[in-house]
Structure formats: structure tokens, C-alpha cells
PDB file of N, CA and C in Angstrom:
ATOM      1  N   MET A   1      20.189 -91.584   3.404  1.00  0.00           N
ATOM      2  CA  MET A   1      19.038 -90.867   2.758  1.00  0.00           C
ATOM      3  C   MET A   1      18.674 -91.415   1.177  1.00  0.00           C
ATOM      4  N   ASP A   2      17.520 -91.516   1.109  1.00  0.00           N
ATOM      5  CA  ASP A   2      16.961 -92.232  -0.015  1.00  0.00           C
ATOM      6  C   ASP A   2      16.946 -91.126  -1.201  1.00  0.00           C
ATOM      7  N   TYR A   3      17.271 -91.292  -2.574  1.00  0.00           N
ATOM      8  CA  TYR A   3      17.141 -90.403  -3.530  1.00  0.00           C
ATOM      9  C   TYR A   3      16.697 -91.143  -4.695  1.00  0.00           C
ATOM     10  N   ASP A   4      15.771 -90.288  -4.981  1.00  0.00           N
ATOM     11  CA  ASP A   4      14.691 -90.798  -6.283  1.00  0.00           C
ATOM     12  C   ASP A   4      15.928 -90.789  -7.470  1.00  0.00           C
ATOM     13  N   ILE A   5      15.566 -91.761  -8.092  1.00  0.00           N
ATOM     14  CA  ILE A   5      15.864 -91.772  -9.814  1.00  0.00           C
ATOM     15  C   ILE A   5      15.247 -91.133 -10.967  1.00  0.00           C
ATOM     16  N   ARG A   6      15.569 -90.435 -11.664  1.00  0.00           N
ATOM     17  CA  ARG A   6      14.727 -90.130 -12.860  1.00  0.00           C
ATOM     18  C   ARG A   6      14.299 -91.189 -13.601  1.00  0.00           C
ATOM     19  N   LYS A   7      12.922 -91.233 -13.918  1.00  0.00           N
ATOM     20  CA  LYS A   7      12.433 -92.183 -14.989  1.00  0.00           C
ATOM     21  C   LYS A   7      13.392 -92.595 -16.137  1.00  0.00           C
ATOM     22  N   GLY A   8      13.606 -93.520 -16.414  1.00  0.00           N
ATOM     23  CA  GLY A   8      14.568 -93.798 -17.418  1.00  0.00           C
ATOM     24  C   GLY A   8      15.861 -93.492 -17.535  1.00  0.00           C
ATOM     25  N   HIS A   9      16.404 -93.314 -16.268  1.00  0.00           N
ATOM     26  CA  HIS A   9      17.706 -93.019 -16.145  1.00  0.00           C
ATOM     27  C   HIS A   9      18.422 -94.067 -15.759  1.00  0.00           C
ATOM     28  N   TYR A  10      17.746 -95.087 -15.124  1.00  0.00           N
ATOM     29  CA  TYR A  10      18.300 -96.486 -14.360  1.00  0.00           C
ATOM     30  C   TYR A  10      19.463 -97.106 -15.188  1.00  0.00           C
ATOM     31  N   PRO A  11      19.131 -97.226 -16.534  1.00  0.00           N
ATOM     32  CA  PRO A  11      20.500 -97.863 -17.388  1.00  0.00           C
ATOM     33  C   PRO A  11      21.712 -97.012 -17.468  1.00  0.00           C
ATOM     34  N   GLU A  12      21.789 -95.777 -17.016  1.00  0.00           N
ATOM     35  CA  GLU A  12      22.885 -95.376 -16.820  1.00  0.00           C
ATOM     36  C   GLU A  12      23.719 -95.537 -15.929  1.00  0.00           C
ATOM     37  N   ILE A  13      23.114 -96.123 -14.751  1.00  0.00           N
ATOM     38  CA  ILE A  13      23.675 -96.600 -13.526  1.00  0.00           C
ATOM     39  C   ILE A  13      23.779 -97.977 -13.282  1.00  0.00           C
ATOM     40  N   GLU A  14      22.987 -98.810 -14.112  1.00  0.00           N
ATOM     41  CA  GLU A  14      22.833-100.114 -13.334  1.00  0.00           C
ATOM     42  C   GLU A  14      24.264-100.808 -13.705  1.00  0.00           C
ATOM     43  N   GLY A  15      24.345-102.007 -13.270  1.00  0.00           N
ATOM     44  CA  GLY A  15      25.613-102.821 -13.148  1.00  0.00           C
ATOM     45  C   GLY A  15      26.966-102.023 -12.851  1.00  0.00           C
ATOM     46  N   ASP A  16      27.776-101.687 -13.477  1.00  0.00           N
ATOM     47  CA  ASP A  16      28.815-101.050 -13.148  1.00  0.00           C
ATOM     48  C   ASP A  16      29.042 -99.353 -13.426  1.00  0.00           C
ATOM     49  N   GLY A  17      27.787 -99.059 -13.978  1.00  0.00           N
ATOM     50  CA  GLY A  17      27.788 -97.840 -14.428  1.00  0.00           C
ATOM     51  C   GLY A  17      27.773 -96.892 -13.090  1.00  0.00           C
ATOM     52  N   LEU A  18      27.439 -97.032 -11.833  1.00  0.00           N
ATOM     53  CA  LEU A  18      27.352 -96.334 -10.839  1.00  0.00           C
ATOM     54  C   LEU A  18      28.957 -95.928 -10.346  1.00  0.00           C
ATOM     55  N   LYS A  19      29.518 -97.351 -10.313  1.00  0.00           N
ATOM     56  CA  LYS A  19      30.838 -97.333 -10.016  1.00  0.00           C
ATOM     57  C   LYS A  19      31.786 -96.623 -11.014  1.00  0.00           C
ATOM     58  N   LYS A  20      31.555 -96.537 -12.151  1.00  0.00           N
ATOM     59  CA  LYS A  20      32.175 -95.761 -13.179  1.00  0.00           C
ATOM     60  C   LYS A  20      31.990 -94.416 -13.178  1.00  0.00           C
ATOM     61  N   LEU A  21      30.767 -93.759 -12.575  1.00  0.00           N
ATOM     62  CA  LEU A  21      30.484 -92.363 -12.704  1.00  0.00           C
ATOM     63  C   LEU A  21      31.351 -91.876 -11.160  1.00  0.00           C
ATOM     64  N   ALA A  22      31.100 -92.731 -10.257  1.00  0.00           N
ATOM     65  CA  ALA A  22      32.003 -92.397  -8.915  1.00  0.00           C
ATOM     66  C   ALA A  22      33.671 -92.325  -9.254  1.00  0.00           C
ATOM     67  N   VAL A  23      34.065 -93.263 -10.158  1.00  0.00           N
ATOM     68  CA  VAL A  23      35.501 -93.023 -10.415  1.00  0.00           C
ATOM     69  C   VAL A  23      35.780 -91.674 -11.412  1.00  0.00           C
ATOM     70  N   GLU A  24      34.817 -91.552 -12.236  1.00  0.00           N
ATOM     71  CA  GLU A  24      34.735 -90.187 -12.708  1.00  0.00           C
ATOM     72  C   GLU A  24      34.844 -88.760 -11.906  1.00  0.00           C
ATOM     73  N   CYS A  25      33.799 -88.807 -11.001  1.00  0.00           N
ATOM     74  CA  CYS A  25      33.498 -87.747 -10.219  1.00  0.00           C
ATOM     75  C   CYS A  25      34.657 -87.715  -8.931  1.00  0.00           C
ATOM     76  N   PHE A  26      35.080 -88.665  -8.497  1.00  0.00           N
ATOM     77  CA  PHE A  26      35.787 -88.566  -7.116  1.00  0.00           C
ATOM     78  C   PHE A  26      37.538 -89.473  -7.185  1.00  0.00           C
ATOM     79  N   GLY A  27      37.534 -89.847  -8.461  1.00  0.00           N
ATOM     80  CA  GLY A  27      38.939 -90.612  -8.553  1.00  0.00           C
ATOM     81  C   GLY A  27      39.052 -92.164  -8.629  1.00  0.00           C
ATOM     82  N   SER A  28      38.661 -92.624  -7.338  1.00  0.00           N
ATOM     83  CA  SER A  28      38.257 -93.977  -7.440  1.00  0.00           C
ATOM     84  C   SER A  28      37.065 -94.359  -6.323  1.00  0.00           C
ATOM     85  N   ALA A  29      37.031 -95.956  -6.671  1.00  0.00           N
ATOM     86  CA  ALA A  29      35.740 -96.103  -5.714  1.00  0.00           C
ATOM     87  C   ALA A  29      35.615 -97.877  -6.109  1.00  0.00           C
ATOM     88  N   GLU A  30      34.892 -98.080  -4.976  1.00  0.00           N
ATOM     89  CA  GLU A  30      35.057 -99.958  -5.120  1.00  0.00           C
ATOM     90  C   GLU A  30      33.527-100.263  -4.695  1.00  0.00           C
ATOM     91  N   MET A  31      33.034-101.349  -4.892  1.00  0.00           N
ATOM     92  CA  MET A  31      32.021-102.428  -4.863  1.00  0.00           C
ATOM     93  C   MET A  31      32.336-103.303  -3.838  1.00  0.00           C
ATOM     94  N   LYS A  32      31.470-103.182  -2.535  1.00  0.00           N
ATOM     95  CA  LYS A  32      31.833-103.947  -1.417  1.00  0.00           C
ATOM     96  C   LYS A  32      30.368-104.584  -1.427  1.00  0.00           C
ATOM     97  N   GLU A  33      30.085-105.559  -1.309  1.00  0.00           N
ATOM     98  CA  GLU A  33      28.585-106.399  -0.970  1.00  0.00           C
ATOM     99  C   GLU A  33      27.526-105.871  -1.310  1.00  0.00           C
ATOM    100  N   GLY A  34      27.671-105.345  -2.825  1.00  0.00           N
ATOM    101  CA  GLY A  34      26.627-104.790  -3.520  1.00  0.00           C
ATOM    102  C   GLY A  34      26.436-103.051  -3.306  1.00  0.00           C
ATOM    103  N   LYS A  35      27.427-102.646  -2.757  1.00  0.00           N
ATOM    104  CA  LYS A  35      27.441-101.214  -2.221  1.00  0.00           C
ATOM    105  C   LYS A  35      28.728-100.492  -2.683  1.00  0.00           C
ATOM    106  N   LEU A  36      28.421 -99.633  -3.420  1.00  0.00           N
ATOM    107  CA  LEU A  36      29.391 -98.700  -3.952  1.00  0.00           C
ATOM    108  C   LEU A  36      29.941 -98.117  -2.432  1.00  0.00           C
ATOM    109  N   THR A  37      31.664 -97.827  -2.429  1.00  0.00           N
ATOM    110  CA  THR A  37      32.443 -97.310  -1.466  1.00  0.00           C
ATOM    111  C   THR A  37      33.200 -96.450  -1.918  1.00  0.00           C
ATOM    112  N   LEU A  38      33.387 -95.226  -0.946  1.00  0.00           N
ATOM    113  CA  LEU A  38      34.688 -94.596  -1.412  1.00  0.00           C
ATOM    114  C   LEU A  38      34.930 -93.558  -0.301  1.00  0.00           C
ATOM    115  N   SER A  39      35.900 -92.919  -0.306  1.00  0.00           N
ATOM    116  CA  SER A  39      35.946 -91.518   0.481  1.00  0.00           C
ATOM    117  C   SER A  39      36.975 -90.519  -0.609  1.00  0.00           C
ATOM    118  N   PHE A  40      36.582 -89.090  -0.451  1.00  0.00           N
ATOM    119  CA  PHE A  40      37.380 -88.236  -1.059  1.00  0.00           C
ATOM    120  C   PHE A  40      37.294 -87.131  -0.370  1.00  0.00           C
ATOM    121  N   GLY A  41      38.508 -86.340  -0.326  1.00  0.00           N
ATOM    122  CA  GLY A  41      38.221 -84.689   0.227  1.00  0.00           C
ATOM    123  C   GLY A  41      37.728 -85.044   1.807  1.00  0.00           C
ATOM    124  N   ALA A  42      36.646 -84.140   1.708  1.00  0.00           N
ATOM    125  CA  ALA A  42      35.865 -84.068   3.106  1.00  0.00           C
ATOM    126  C   ALA A  42      34.962 -85.356   3.365  1.00  0.00           C
ATOM    127  N   ILE A  43      34.768 -85.948   2.494  1.00  0.00           N
ATOM    128  CA  ILE A  43      33.900 -87.202   2.657  1.00  0.00           C
ATOM    129  C   ILE A  43      34.618 -88.367   2.925  1.00  0.00           C
ATOM    130  N   THR A  44      34.665 -88.396   4.595  1.00  0.00           N
ATOM    131  CA  THR A  44      35.259 -89.768   4.946  1.00  0.00           C
ATOM    132  C   THR A  44      34.610 -91.007   4.563  1.00  0.00           C
ATOM    133  N   LYS A  45      33.362 -91.097   4.618  1.00  0.00           N
ATOM    134  CA  LYS A  45      32.773 -92.511   3.887  1.00  0.00           C
ATOM    135  C   LYS A  45      31.643 -92.174   3.184  1.00  0.00           C
ATOM    136  N   LEU A  46      31.512 -92.723   1.966  1.00  0.00           N
ATOM    137  CA  LEU A  46      30.532 -92.474   1.296  1.00  0.00           C
ATOM    138  C   LEU A  46      29.877 -94.141   0.976  1.00  0.00           C
ATOM    139  N   GLU A  47      28.753 -94.658   1.102  1.00  0.00           N
ATOM    140  CA  GLU A  47      28.041 -95.816   0.507  1.00  0.00           C
ATOM    141  C   GLU A  47      26.722 -95.343   0.065  1.00  0.00           C
ATOM    142  N   ALA A  48      26.584 -96.177  -1.132  1.00  0.00           N
ATOM    143  CA  ALA A  48      25.617 -95.960  -1.980  1.00  0.00           C
ATOM    144  C   ALA A  48      25.031 -97.477  -2.715  1.00  0.00           C
ATOM    145  N   LYS A  49      23.856 -97.392  -2.558  1.00  0.00           N
ATOM    146  CA  LYS A  49      23.302 -98.635  -2.948  1.00  0.00           C
ATOM    147  C   LYS A  49      22.095 -98.297  -3.673  1.00  0.00           C
ATOM    148  N   ILE A  50      21.879 -98.978  -5.096  1.00  0.00           N
ATOM    149  CA  ILE A  50      20.582 -98.857  -5.727  1.00  0.00           C
ATOM    150  C   ILE A  50      19.558 -99.656  -5.238  1.00  0.00           C
ATOM    151  N   LEU A  51      18.525 -99.066  -4.844  1.00  0.00           N
ATOM    152  CA  LEU A  51      17.644 -99.905  -4.136  1.00  0.00           C
ATOM    153  C   LEU A  51      16.636-100.804  -5.158  1.00  0.00           C
ATOM    154  N   ASP A  52      16.178 -99.897  -6.157  1.00  0.00           N
ATOM    155  CA  ASP A  52      15.305-100.332  -7.608  1.00  0.00           C
ATOM    156  C   ASP A  52      15.559 -99.084  -8.857  1.00  0.00           C
ATOM    157  N   LYS A  53      14.750 -99.595  -9.618  1.00  0.00           N
ATOM    158  CA  LYS A  53      14.895 -98.690 -10.616  1.00  0.00           C
ATOM    159  C   LYS A  53      14.532 -97.252 -10.520  1.00  0.00           C
ATOM    160  N   GLY A  54      14.037 -97.037  -9.319  1.00  0.00           N
ATOM    161  CA  GLY A  54      13.573 -95.513  -9.089  1.00  0.00           C
ATOM    162  C   GLY A  54      13.981 -95.002  -7.941  1.00  0.00           C
ATOM    163  N   ARG A  55      14.996 -95.719  -7.200  1.00  0.00           N
ATOM    164  CA  ARG A  55      15.671 -95.305  -5.752  1.00  0.00           C
ATOM    165  C   ARG A  55      17.108 -95.366  -5.657  1.00  0.00           C
ATOM    166  N   MET A  56      17.521 -94.789  -4.978  1.00  0.00           N
ATOM    167  CA  MET A  56      18.880 -94.986  -4.389  1.00  0.00           C
ATOM    168  C   MET A  56      19.399 -94.616  -2.934  1.00  0.00           C
ATOM    169  N   ASP A  57      20.074 -95.355  -2.260  1.00  0.00           N
ATOM    170  CA  ASP A  57      20.253 -95.123  -0.919  1.00  0.00           C
ATOM    171  C   ASP A  57      21.829 -94.531  -0.852  1.00  0.00           C
ATOM    172  N   ILE A  58      21.873 -93.251  -0.114  1.00  0.00           N
ATOM    173  CA  ILE A  58      23.303 -92.822   0.033  1.00  0.00           C
ATOM    174  C   ILE A  58      23.528 -92.326   1.445  1.00  0.00           C
ATOM    175  N   SER A  59      24.522 -92.943   1.855  1.00  0.00           N
ATOM    176  CA  SER A  59      25.028 -92.337   3.282  1.00  0.00           C
ATOM    177  C   SER A  59      26.259 -91.811   3.159  1.00  0.00           C
ATOM    178  N   THR A  60      26.837 -90.836   3.977  1.00  0.00           N
ATOM    179  CA  THR A  60      28.042 -90.160   3.963  1.00  0.00           C
ATOM    180  C   THR A  60      28.582 -89.881   5.254  1.00  0.00           C
ATOM    181  N   GLU A  61      29.785 -89.862   5.363  1.00  0.00           N
ATOM    182  CA  GLU A  61      30.098 -89.234   6.663  1.00  0.00           C
ATOM    183  C   GLU A  61      31.208 -88.092   6.301  1.00  0.00           C
ATOM    184  N   MET A  62      31.090 -86.709   7.030  1.00  0.00           N
ATOM    185  CA  MET A  62      32.035 -85.774   6.462  1.00  0.00           C
ATOM    186  C   MET A  62      32.781 -85.362   7.561  1.00  0.00           C
ATOM    187  N   ASN A  63      34.157 -85.085   7.149  1.00  0.00           N
ATOM    188  CA  ASN A  63      35.315 -84.436   7.989  1.00  0.00           C
ATOM    189  C   ASN A  63      34.789 -82.778   8.122  1.00  0.00           C
ATOM    190  N   LYS A  64      34.277 -82.589   9.148  1.00  0.00           N
ATOM    191  CA  LYS A  64      33.797 -80.939   9.383  1.00  0.00           C
ATOM    192  C   LYS A  64      35.404 -80.231   9.541  1.00  0.00           C
ATOM    193  N   ALA A  65      36.249 -80.761  10.044  1.00  0.00           N
ATOM    194  CA  ALA A  65      37.380 -80.122   9.941  1.00  0.00           C
ATOM    195  C   ALA A  65      38.374 -79.894   8.945  1.00  0.00           C
ATOM    196  N   ALA A  66      37.686 -80.240   7.566  1.00  0.00           N
ATOM    197  CA  ALA A  66      38.621 -80.213   6.372  1.00  0.00           C
ATOM    198  C   ALA A  66      38.918 -78.526   6.067  1.00  0.00           C
ATOM    199  N   ALA A  67      39.630 -78.207   5.330  1.00  0.00           N
ATOM    200  CA  ALA A  67      40.020 -76.929   4.785  1.00  0.00           C
ATOM    201  C   ALA A  67      38.873 -76.610   3.905  1.00  0.00           C
ATOM    202  N   PRO A  68      38.453 -75.372   4.042  1.00  0.00           N
ATOM    203  CA  PRO A  68      37.426 -74.784   3.234  1.00  0.00           C
ATOM    204  C   PRO A  68      37.598 -75.128   1.739  1.00  0.00           C
ATOM    205  N   GLU A  69      38.860 -75.169   1.193  1.00  0.00           N
ATOM    206  CA  GLU A  69      38.948 -75.157  -0.131  1.00  0.00           C
ATOM    207  C   GLU A  69      38.678 -76.964  -0.507  1.00  0.00           C
ATOM    208  N   VAL A  70      38.876 -77.425   0.277  1.00  0.00           N
ATOM    209  CA  VAL A  70      38.646 -79.111   0.181  1.00  0.00           C
ATOM    210  C   VAL A  70      37.022 -79.483   0.456  1.00  0.00           C
ATOM    211  N   GLN A  71      36.330 -78.446   1.348  1.00  0.00           N
ATOM    212  CA  GLN A  71      35.241 -78.448   1.338  1.00  0.00           C
ATOM    213  C   GLN A  71      34.303 -78.457   0.199  1.00  0.00           C
ATOM    214  N   ALA A  72      34.927 -77.263  -0.405  1.00  0.00           N
ATOM    215  CA  ALA A  72      34.159 -76.744  -1.607  1.00  0.00           C
ATOM    216  C   ALA A  72      34.044 -77.537  -2.837  1.00  0.00           C
ATOM    217  N   ASP A  73      35.519 -77.923  -3.057  1.00  0.00           N
ATOM    218  CA  ASP A  73      35.817 -78.989  -3.978  1.00  0.00           C
ATOM    219  C   ASP A  73      34.804 -80.152  -3.908  1.00  0.00           C
ATOM    220  N   THR A  74      34.861 -80.906  -2.802  1.00  0.00           N
ATOM    221  CA  THR A  74      34.015 -81.876  -2.200  1.00  0.00           C
ATOM    222  C   THR A  74      32.496 -81.578  -2.667  1.00  0.00           C
ATOM    223  N   ILE A  75      32.141 -80.538  -2.238  1.00  0.00           N
ATOM    224  CA  ILE A  75      30.729 -80.522  -2.312  1.00  0.00           C
ATOM    225  C   ILE A  75      30.318 -80.086  -3.814  1.00  0.00           C
ATOM    226  N   LYS A  76      31.217 -79.528  -4.431  1.00  0.00           N
ATOM    227  CA  LYS A  76      31.270 -79.325  -6.182  1.00  0.00           C
ATOM    228  C   LYS A  76      31.224 -80.880  -6.866  1.00  0.00           C
ATOM    229  N   ARG A  77      32.178 -81.580  -6.584  1.00  0.00           N
ATOM    230  CA  ARG A  77      32.008 -82.999  -6.838  1.00  0.00           C
ATOM    231  C   ARG A  77      30.975 -83.487  -6.480  1.00  0.00           C
ATOM    232  N   TRP A  78      30.466 -83.603  -5.417  1.00  0.00           N
ATOM    233  CA  TRP A  78      29.074 -84.391  -4.634  1.00  0.00           C
ATOM    234  C   TRP A  78      27.974 -84.042  -5.582  1.00  0.00           C
ATOM    235  N   ASN A  79      27.710 -82.747  -5.528  1.00  0.00           N
ATOM    236  CA  ASN A  79      26.644 -82.194  -6.431  1.00  0.00           C
ATOM    237  C   ASN A  79      26.766 -82.705  -7.996  1.00  0.00           C
ATOM    238  N   ILE A  80      27.910 -83.040  -8.353  1.00  0.00           N
ATOM    239  CA  ILE A  80      27.880 -83.362  -9.935  1.00  0.00           C
ATOM    240  C   ILE A  80      27.552 -85.186  -9.586  1.00  0.00           C
ATOM    241  N   PHE A  81      28.102 -85.704  -8.836  1.00  0.00           N
ATOM    242  CA  PHE A  81      27.752 -86.971  -8.904  1.00  0.00           C
ATOM    243  C   PHE A  81      26.333 -87.297  -8.760  1.00  0.00           C
ATOM    244  N   LEU A  82      25.711 -86.989  -7.701  1.00  0.00           N
ATOM    245  CA  LEU A  82      24.212 -86.783  -7.426  1.00  0.00           C
ATOM    246  C   LEU A  82      23.420 -86.491  -8.508  1.00  0.00           C
ATOM    247  N   GLU A  83      23.904 -85.459  -9.518  1.00  0.00           N
ATOM    248  CA  GLU A  83      23.207 -85.201 -10.362  1.00  0.00           C
ATOM    249  C   GLU A  83      23.489 -86.089 -11.998  1.00  0.00           C
ATOM    250  N   ARG A  84      24.449 -86.660 -11.771  1.00  0.00           N
ATOM    251  CA  ARG A  84      24.771 -87.866 -12.594  1.00  0.00           C
ATOM    252  C   ARG A  84      24.162 -89.154 -12.411  1.00  0.00           C
ATOM    253  N   ALA A  85      24.031 -89.551 -11.167  1.00  0.00           N
ATOM    254  CA  ALA A  85      23.325 -90.679 -10.812  1.00  0.00           C
ATOM    255  C   ALA A  85      22.023 -90.733 -10.651  1.00  0.00           C
ATOM    256  N   THR A  86      21.286 -89.560 -10.320  1.00  0.00           N
ATOM    257  CA  THR A  86      19.934 -89.457 -10.235  1.00  0.00           C
ATOM    258  C   THR A  86      19.043 -89.000 -11.420  1.00  0.00           C
ATOM    259  N   GLY A  87      19.788 -87.992 -12.006  1.00  0.00           N
ATOM    260  CA  GLY A  87      19.232 -87.495 -13.427  1.00  0.00           C
ATOM    261  C   GLY A  87      18.373 -86.534 -13.028  1.00  0.00           C
ATOM    262  N   PHE A  88      18.452 -85.788 -11.460  1.00  0.00           N
ATOM    263  CA  PHE A  88      17.924 -84.793 -11.228  1.00  0.00           C
ATOM    264  C   PHE A  88      18.986 -83.389 -10.687  1.00  0.00           C
ATOM    265  N   THR A  89      18.845 -82.293 -11.106  1.00  0.00           N
ATOM    266  CA  THR A  89      19.260 -81.286 -10.472  1.00  0.00           C
ATOM    267  C   THR A  89      19.376 -81.016  -9.275  1.00  0.00           C
ATOM    268  N   SER A  90      20.131 -80.337  -8.475  1.00  0.00           N
ATOM    269  CA  SER A  90      20.115 -79.976  -7.034  1.00  0.00           C
ATOM    270  C   SER A  90      18.618 -79.147  -6.798  1.00  0.00           C
ATOM    271  N   LYS A  91      18.366 -78.444  -7.829  1.00  0.00           N
ATOM    272  CA  LYS A  91      17.112 -77.699  -7.469  1.00  0.00           C
ATOM    273  C   LYS A  91      16.014 -78.716  -7.565  1.00  0.00           C
ATOM    274  N   GLU A  92      16.043 -79.749  -8.506  1.00  0.00           N
ATOM    275  CA  GLU A  92      14.841 -80.702  -8.560  1.00  0.00           C
ATOM    276  C   GLU A  92      14.872 -81.654  -7.504  1.00  0.00           C
ATOM    277  N   ARG A  93      16.079 -82.020  -6.882  1.00  0.00           N
ATOM    278  CA  ARG A  93      16.237 -82.731  -5.890  1.00  0.00           C
ATOM    279  C   ARG A  93      15.358 -82.483  -4.679  1.00  0.00           C
ATOM    280  N   GLY A  94      15.895 -80.667  -4.374  1.00  0.00           N
ATOM    281  CA  GLY A  94      15.176 -80.224  -3.157  1.00  0.00           C
ATOM    282  C   GLY A  94      13.901 -80.044  -3.368  1.00  0.00           C
ATOM    283  N   LYS A  95      13.413 -79.627  -4.247  1.00  0.00           N
ATOM    284  CA  LYS A  95      11.777 -79.518  -4.638  1.00  0.00           C
ATOM    285  C   LYS A  95      11.125 -81.097  -4.267  1.00  0.00           C
ATOM    286  N   ARG A  96      11.780 -82.323  -4.760  1.00  0.00           N
ATOM    287  CA  ARG A  96      11.129 -83.471  -4.401  1.00  0.00           C
ATOM    288  C   ARG A  96      11.365 -83.955  -2.789  1.00  0.00           C
ATOM    289  N   LEU A  97      12.289 -83.390  -2.597  1.00  0.00           N
ATOM    290  CA  LEU A  97      12.183 -83.580  -0.736  1.00  0.00           C
ATOM    291  C   LEU A  97      11.447 -82.710  -0.219  1.00  0.00           C
ATOM    292  N   GLN A  98      11.050 -81.439  -0.713  1.00  0.00           N
ATOM    293  CA  GLN A  98      10.160 -80.565   0.045  1.00  0.00           C
ATOM    294  C   GLN A  98       8.877 -81.373   0.057  1.00  0.00           C
ATOM    295  N   LYS A  99       8.596 -81.863  -1.408  1.00  0.00           N
ATOM    296  CA  LYS A  99       7.153 -82.323  -1.446  1.00  0.00           C
ATOM    297  C   LYS A  99       6.774 -83.560  -0.664  1.00  0.00           C
ATOM    298  N   LYS A 100       7.865 -84.656  -0.548  1.00  0.00           N
ATOM    299  CA  LYS A 100       7.894 -85.668   0.360  1.00  0.00           C
ATOM    300  C   LYS A 100       7.440 -85.327   1.566  1.00  0.00           C
ATOM    301  N   ALA A 101       8.472 -84.165   2.466  1.00  0.00           N
ATOM    302  CA  ALA A 101       8.158 -83.747   3.596  1.00  0.00           C
ATOM    303  C   ALA A 101       6.878 -83.236   3.910  1.00  0.00           C
ATOM    304  N   LYS A 102       6.528 -82.404   2.973  1.00  0.00           N
ATOM    305  CA  LYS A 102       4.918 -81.806   3.202  1.00  0.00           C
ATOM    306  C   LYS A 102       3.991 -83.050   3.077  1.00  0.00           C
ATOM    307  N   ASP A 103       3.964 -83.940   2.227  1.00  0.00           N
ATOM    308  CA  ASP A 103       3.349 -84.991   1.921  1.00  0.00           C
ATOM    309  C   ASP A 103       3.281 -86.415   3.302  1.00  0.00           C
ATOM    310  N   GLY A 104       4.483 -86.052   3.784  1.00  0.00           N
ATOM    311  CA  GLY A 104       4.465 -86.865   5.224  1.00  0.00           C
ATOM    312  C   GLY A 104       5.334 -88.174   4.987  1.00  0.00           C
ATOM    313  N   LYS A 105       5.943 -88.159   3.914  1.00  0.00           N
ATOM    314  CA  LYS A 105       6.651 -89.137   3.110  1.00  0.00           C
ATOM    315  C   LYS A 105       8.013 -89.550   3.625  1.00  0.00           C
ATOM    316  N   LEU A 106       8.539 -88.614   4.406  1.00  0.00           N
ATOM    317  CA  LEU A 106      10.089 -88.641   4.838  1.00  0.00           C
ATOM    318  C   LEU A 106      10.069 -89.356   6.495  1.00  0.00           C
TER     319      LEU A 106
END
């Protein structure tokens, strides 16, 4: 899924900034072929790649059989990661997605 990056926020995540952020949020991460990869809690696989200064592509695979407390912790960390990576809160990301859907851009 494509996520918008807030204007002026790109310097925070360029270079190894995105990897450092992932390590802060999830404990470990590595870069493979220009993509950030990791697994944590209920996330069995996460791959993130910065497409340009305004967009990032993130794909995830989840373990739906994980314990509820593991799922809750994973979601909490995921939301923190997305907010710090994109510069948008979950509410702002939701509004942007709704607008794109309404405009037929999804």
C-alpha cells in the first residue's frame, strides 16, 4: 500500500533514517535491496520502500493467530512507526485515504 509522506518530512527518513526508526519501534530491521524488512509480534513480514520524497510503499503479512496481547502491542507499535515514518497521524492517514478513494485514485 502506498502511504503519503508529509511535505518536508522526507529528511527524517532518508538514508538510514527509516531503518533507525524501525529499530526504535520494533527492535530490529535490516535493509535488503533498497527495502526495509523486518518481522515483529503479529507482523510476520514487513517490507517498506521509499518511492520518492512524497510516497512510501509498505506491505505487511500478519499472523492472525497471534495472542490478543501480541496483536495489541503490534498494532500500537505499527501506528507509532507509521506516524513517525510518514509524518501523518492515523486520523490524517485515514482522511487522505478516503479522499483518494473518493477521487478514484486508489
